[in-house]
Amino acid sequence: MKKIFLISILTLSYISTFAQATSQDVDPAFHFGMKINPALCWLRSGNSNVESDGMLLRCSYGFIADFKFANNYAFSTGIDISYKGGQLKKQTSSKPNDSTTVTTVYEEKSKIRYIEVPLTLRLKTNQIGLIKYYLQVGVAPGFNFNAYNEGSYSTQTQYPGFNNTTTTDVSKDDTNNDINFFNMSMIIGAGIEYNLSGTTNLISGITFNNGFLTISDKNADDALLQNSKLFANQLGLMVGILF
């Protein structure tokens, strides 16, 4: 009976020690990793002449660098290749003379790529089992390196006894010079870190990237981007791994 009692005590002690070891809070001073971020992207218009006409599904990727400066607090940065854009629509109308009306409708998908350097604060909970929950806030300065539009525009000409519509397709029209080089976005995110082994964590969360600088040049050559006052937004599901 004493042997059984002793074995039981030793077994419970081992289980308790093992449970504490597996739930140990492993959070090094520096974490480096990689991520992908499939996202819904859209362009918010600040001009009534141009309207947002839908979202695009795009995927960004990059590197993560977390610098722990206090328990459950980290400065999180890195380098992202960020794909943004959206669908736009614009209609213009003119009267060359009293009897003629010319109406042009532009419908395009604008696609933009940025190099972004997120500067954020990651706030974490204590580890619960193998999971930590986090909240992330900060900004992301971005630098445009590629932009183009694709879609179509149709022109309708009307006068008494005549009505004609012509449609022209636009295929990868380079708009790099029509998009401002510098952009700035606010980042808000929340998610989890799951400890896989040692200091290796799987990280996943929802990230909202809200642009607060106009991305389009007011003197743009592209008719749809002229004086459009566009802001780039992105809502993504980020998945990554920290080593």
Protein backbone atom coordinates (compact mmCIF):
# COMPACT_ATOMS: atom_id res chain seq x y z
CA MET A 1 0.00 0.00 0.00
CA LYS A 2 2.87 2.34 0.86
CA LYS A 3 4.55 1.51 -2.46
CA ILE A 4 1.35 2.33 -4.38
CA PHE A 5 1.01 5.61 -2.46
CA LEU A 6 4.66 6.50 -3.17
CA ILE A 7 4.30 5.67 -6.87
CA SER A 8 1.13 7.81 -7.06
CA ILE A 9 2.90 10.77 -5.43
CA LEU A 10 5.86 10.44 -7.82
CA THR A 11 3.55 10.17 -10.84
CA LEU A 12 1.53 13.24 -9.84
CA SER A 13 4.78 15.14 -9.21
CA TYR A 14 6.09 14.22 -12.68
CA ILE A 15 2.81 15.23 -14.37
CA SER A 16 2.81 18.55 -12.52
CA THR A 17 6.44 19.25 -13.49
CA PHE A 18 5.77 18.31 -17.13
CA ALA A 19 2.68 20.50 -17.30
CA GLN A 20 4.62 23.47 -15.91
CA ALA A 21 7.41 22.90 -18.42
CA THR A 22 5.09 22.71 -21.43
CA SER A 23 3.19 25.82 -20.32
CA GLN A 24 6.39 27.78 -19.56
CA ASP A 25 6.34 31.32 -20.92
CA VAL A 26 9.03 31.23 -23.62
CA ASP A 27 9.46 34.80 -24.87
CA PRO A 28 13.02 35.72 -25.96
CA ALA A 29 14.33 39.26 -26.18
CA PHE A 30 14.43 39.04 -29.99
CA HIS A 31 12.13 37.18 -32.37
CA PHE A 32 12.66 36.96 -36.14
CA GLY A 33 10.18 35.44 -38.56
CA MET A 34 8.25 35.46 -41.82
CA LYS A 35 4.60 36.06 -42.70
CA ILE A 36 2.02 36.11 -45.46
CA ASN A 37 -1.08 38.29 -45.41
CA PRO A 38 -3.97 37.47 -47.81
CA ALA A 39 -6.16 40.56 -47.74
CA LEU A 40 -9.20 42.35 -49.09
CA CYS A 41 -8.08 45.70 -50.50
CA TRP A 42 -10.09 48.74 -51.50
CA LEU A 43 -9.56 52.40 -52.34
CA ARG A 44 -11.52 54.97 -50.37
CA SER A 45 -12.37 58.07 -52.38
CA GLY A 46 -12.46 61.58 -50.95
CA ASN A 47 -13.84 63.01 -54.17
CA SER A 48 -17.48 62.70 -55.24
CA ASN A 49 -16.42 62.42 -58.90
CA VAL A 50 -14.69 59.09 -58.26
CA GLU A 51 -16.35 56.19 -56.46
CA SER A 52 -15.02 52.99 -54.96
CA ASP A 53 -16.51 50.19 -57.03
CA GLY A 54 -15.35 47.05 -55.25
CA MET A 55 -12.53 45.17 -53.54
CA LEU A 56 -9.56 43.17 -54.77
CA LEU A 57 -8.15 40.03 -53.15
CA ARG A 58 -4.39 40.45 -52.89
CA CYS A 59 -1.60 38.82 -50.89
CA SER A 60 1.31 40.54 -49.12
CA TYR A 61 4.36 38.96 -47.51
CA GLY A 62 7.39 39.96 -45.50
CA PHE A 63 9.67 39.58 -42.50
CA ILE A 64 8.94 40.17 -38.81
CA ALA A 65 11.37 41.43 -36.16
CA ASP A 66 10.13 41.66 -32.56
CA PHE A 67 12.24 43.37 -29.89
CA LYS A 68 11.04 42.69 -26.36
CA PHE A 69 11.58 45.67 -24.04
CA ALA A 70 9.39 44.60 -21.09
CA ASN A 71 7.40 41.57 -20.02
CA ASN A 72 4.59 41.09 -22.61
CA TYR A 73 5.61 44.25 -24.52
CA ALA A 74 7.52 44.25 -27.81
CA PHE A 75 8.47 46.71 -30.52
CA SER A 76 7.50 44.94 -33.75
CA THR A 77 8.89 45.96 -37.13
CA GLY A 78 10.10 44.33 -40.34
CA ILE A 79 9.86 44.74 -44.11
CA ASP A 80 6.71 43.98 -46.12
CA ILE A 81 5.99 43.74 -49.82
CA SER A 82 2.43 45.05 -49.64
CA TYR A 83 -0.06 44.63 -52.47
CA LYS A 84 -2.90 47.15 -52.42
CA GLY A 85 -5.54 48.56 -54.75
CA GLY A 86 -9.21 48.45 -55.55
CA GLN A 87 -11.86 48.96 -58.20
CA LEU A 88 -12.80 52.49 -59.23
CA LYS A 89 -15.49 54.13 -61.33
CA LYS A 90 -15.78 57.63 -62.73
CA GLN A 91 -18.25 59.31 -65.07
CA THR A 92 -17.75 62.57 -66.95
CA SER A 93 -20.13 64.45 -69.22
CA SER A 94 -19.58 67.34 -71.61
CA LYS A 95 -21.51 69.28 -74.27
CA PRO A 96 -19.37 70.24 -77.27
CA ASN A 97 -22.38 72.14 -78.57
CA ASP A 98 -26.02 72.74 -77.67
CA SER A 99 -27.29 69.53 -79.30
CA THR A 100 -24.47 67.06 -78.50
CA THR A 101 -23.72 65.27 -75.23
CA VAL A 102 -20.60 63.16 -74.70
CA THR A 103 -20.58 60.86 -71.66
CA THR A 104 -17.50 58.83 -70.68
CA VAL A 105 -17.53 56.08 -68.01
CA TYR A 106 -14.21 54.79 -66.64
CA GLU A 107 -14.16 51.42 -64.83
CA GLU A 108 -10.74 50.26 -63.74
CA LYS A 109 -8.87 48.07 -61.27
CA SER A 110 -5.97 49.94 -59.70
CA LYS A 111 -3.12 47.74 -58.44
CA ILE A 112 -0.25 49.14 -56.38
CA ARG A 113 2.78 47.61 -54.68
CA TYR A 114 4.58 49.17 -51.74
CA ILE A 115 7.64 48.40 -49.67
CA GLU A 116 6.38 49.02 -46.12
CA VAL A 117 8.25 49.22 -42.81
CA PRO A 118 5.74 48.65 -39.99
CA LEU A 119 6.53 50.45 -36.73
CA THR A 120 4.23 48.94 -34.14
CA LEU A 121 3.79 48.04 -30.50
CA ARG A 122 2.70 44.46 -29.75
CA LEU A 123 0.95 44.00 -26.38
CA LYS A 124 0.66 40.39 -25.21
CA THR A 125 -1.19 38.53 -22.49
CA ASN A 126 0.45 36.05 -20.18
CA GLN A 127 0.80 32.64 -21.74
CA ILE A 128 -2.34 30.52 -21.31
CA GLY A 129 -1.37 26.93 -22.00
CA LEU A 130 0.60 27.29 -25.22
CA ILE A 131 -1.15 30.45 -26.42
CA LYS A 132 -0.63 34.18 -26.01
CA TYR A 133 -3.14 36.73 -27.24
CA TYR A 134 -1.92 40.03 -28.60
CA LEU A 135 -3.02 43.49 -29.68
CA GLN A 136 -0.91 45.40 -32.19
CA VAL A 137 -1.02 49.13 -33.00
CA GLY A 138 1.25 51.45 -34.97
CA VAL A 139 1.99 52.96 -38.35
CA ALA A 140 3.46 51.74 -41.64
CA PRO A 141 5.37 54.14 -43.88
CA GLY A 142 5.28 52.81 -47.44
CA PHE A 143 7.18 53.44 -50.67
CA ASN A 144 5.51 52.85 -54.03
CA PHE A 145 7.56 50.88 -56.54
CA ASN A 146 4.96 49.57 -58.99
CA ALA A 147 1.45 50.62 -60.03
CA TYR A 148 -0.85 50.01 -62.97
CA ASN A 149 -4.51 50.17 -63.95
CA GLU A 150 -6.52 47.75 -66.06
CA GLY A 151 -10.14 47.87 -67.16
CA SER A 152 -12.07 49.84 -69.76
CA TYR A 153 -13.73 53.13 -70.55
CA SER A 154 -16.76 53.70 -72.73
CA THR A 155 -17.75 56.89 -74.52
CA GLN A 156 -21.34 57.61 -75.50
CA THR A 157 -22.05 60.38 -78.01
CA GLN A 158 -25.62 61.59 -78.37
CA TYR A 159 -27.35 64.17 -80.52
CA PRO A 160 -30.75 64.24 -82.25
CA GLY A 161 -31.03 61.15 -84.45
CA PHE A 162 -27.67 59.71 -83.33
CA ASN A 163 -26.54 57.57 -80.37
CA ASN A 164 -23.19 55.78 -80.45
CA THR A 165 -21.12 54.06 -77.75
CA THR A 166 -17.50 52.98 -78.13
CA THR A 167 -15.58 50.90 -75.56
CA THR A 168 -11.80 50.80 -75.15
CA ASP A 169 -10.02 48.18 -73.04
CA VAL A 170 -7.09 49.20 -70.84
CA SER A 171 -4.47 46.49 -70.20
CA LYS A 172 -1.79 47.14 -67.56
CA ASP A 173 -1.59 50.88 -68.11
CA ASP A 174 1.50 52.03 -66.17
CA THR A 175 0.38 54.53 -63.49
CA ASN A 176 3.55 54.52 -61.40
CA ASN A 177 4.10 58.24 -61.98
CA ASP A 178 0.45 58.94 -61.07
CA ILE A 179 0.79 57.37 -57.59
CA ASN A 180 2.61 59.28 -54.86
CA PHE A 181 5.94 57.71 -53.90
CA PHE A 182 5.33 57.96 -50.13
CA ASN A 183 2.34 56.63 -48.22
CA MET A 184 1.48 56.25 -44.54
CA SER A 185 -1.00 53.87 -42.95
CA MET A 186 -2.27 53.15 -39.46
CA ILE A 187 -2.10 49.51 -38.34
CA ILE A 188 -4.51 47.86 -35.91
CA GLY A 189 -4.36 44.13 -35.36
CA ALA A 190 -5.21 41.31 -32.93
CA GLY A 191 -4.42 37.63 -32.85
CA ILE A 192 -2.62 34.76 -31.16
CA GLU A 193 0.86 33.32 -30.77
CA TYR A 194 0.98 29.52 -30.42
CA ASN A 195 4.14 27.96 -29.06
CA LEU A 196 5.26 25.10 -31.30
CA SER A 197 8.53 24.22 -29.59
CA GLY A 198 11.10 26.13 -27.56
CA THR A 199 11.09 29.71 -28.85
CA THR A 200 9.36 28.85 -32.16
CA ASN A 201 5.85 30.31 -32.33
CA LEU A 202 3.09 30.22 -34.90
CA ILE A 203 1.44 33.65 -35.17
CA SER A 204 -1.88 34.52 -36.75
CA GLY A 205 -4.26 37.45 -36.59
CA ILE A 206 -6.54 39.98 -38.25
CA THR A 207 -4.82 43.17 -39.41
CA PHE A 208 -6.47 46.39 -40.59
CA ASN A 209 -4.25 48.75 -42.57
CA ASN A 210 -5.90 52.17 -42.89
CA GLY A 211 -4.28 54.69 -45.22
CA PHE A 212 -4.41 58.32 -44.11
CA LEU A 213 -2.36 59.96 -46.90
CA THR A 214 -3.68 60.48 -50.43
CA ILE A 215 -2.02 57.95 -52.73
CA SER A 216 -2.84 59.62 -56.06
CA ASP A 217 -1.10 62.64 -57.56
CA LYS A 218 -3.58 65.45 -58.22
CA ASN A 219 -1.84 66.09 -61.56
CA ALA A 220 -2.06 62.45 -62.66
CA ASP A 221 -2.15 61.71 -66.39
CA ASP A 222 -4.66 58.90 -65.86
CA ALA A 223 -8.15 60.41 -66.25
CA LEU A 224 -9.59 58.31 -63.43
CA LEU A 225 -6.83 59.23 -60.94
CA GLN A 226 -6.87 62.98 -61.60
CA ASN A 227 -7.95 64.91 -58.47
CA SER A 228 -9.31 61.64 -57.06
CA LYS A 229 -8.05 61.90 -53.42
CA LEU A 230 -7.73 58.14 -52.94
CA PHE A 231 -6.76 56.34 -49.72
CA ALA A 232 -5.63 52.69 -49.68
CA ASN A 233 -7.21 50.32 -47.13
CA GLN A 234 -6.51 46.66 -46.43
CA LEU A 235 -8.09 44.00 -44.18
CA GLY A 236 -6.04 40.83 -43.97
CA LEU A 237 -5.57 37.47 -42.26
CA MET A 238 -1.91 37.29 -41.34
CA VAL A 239 -0.15 33.96 -40.76
CA GLY A 240 3.51 33.67 -39.86
CA ILE A 241 6.16 31.92 -37.88
CA LEU A 242 8.60 33.35 -35.31
CA PHE A 243 11.89 31.63 -34.56
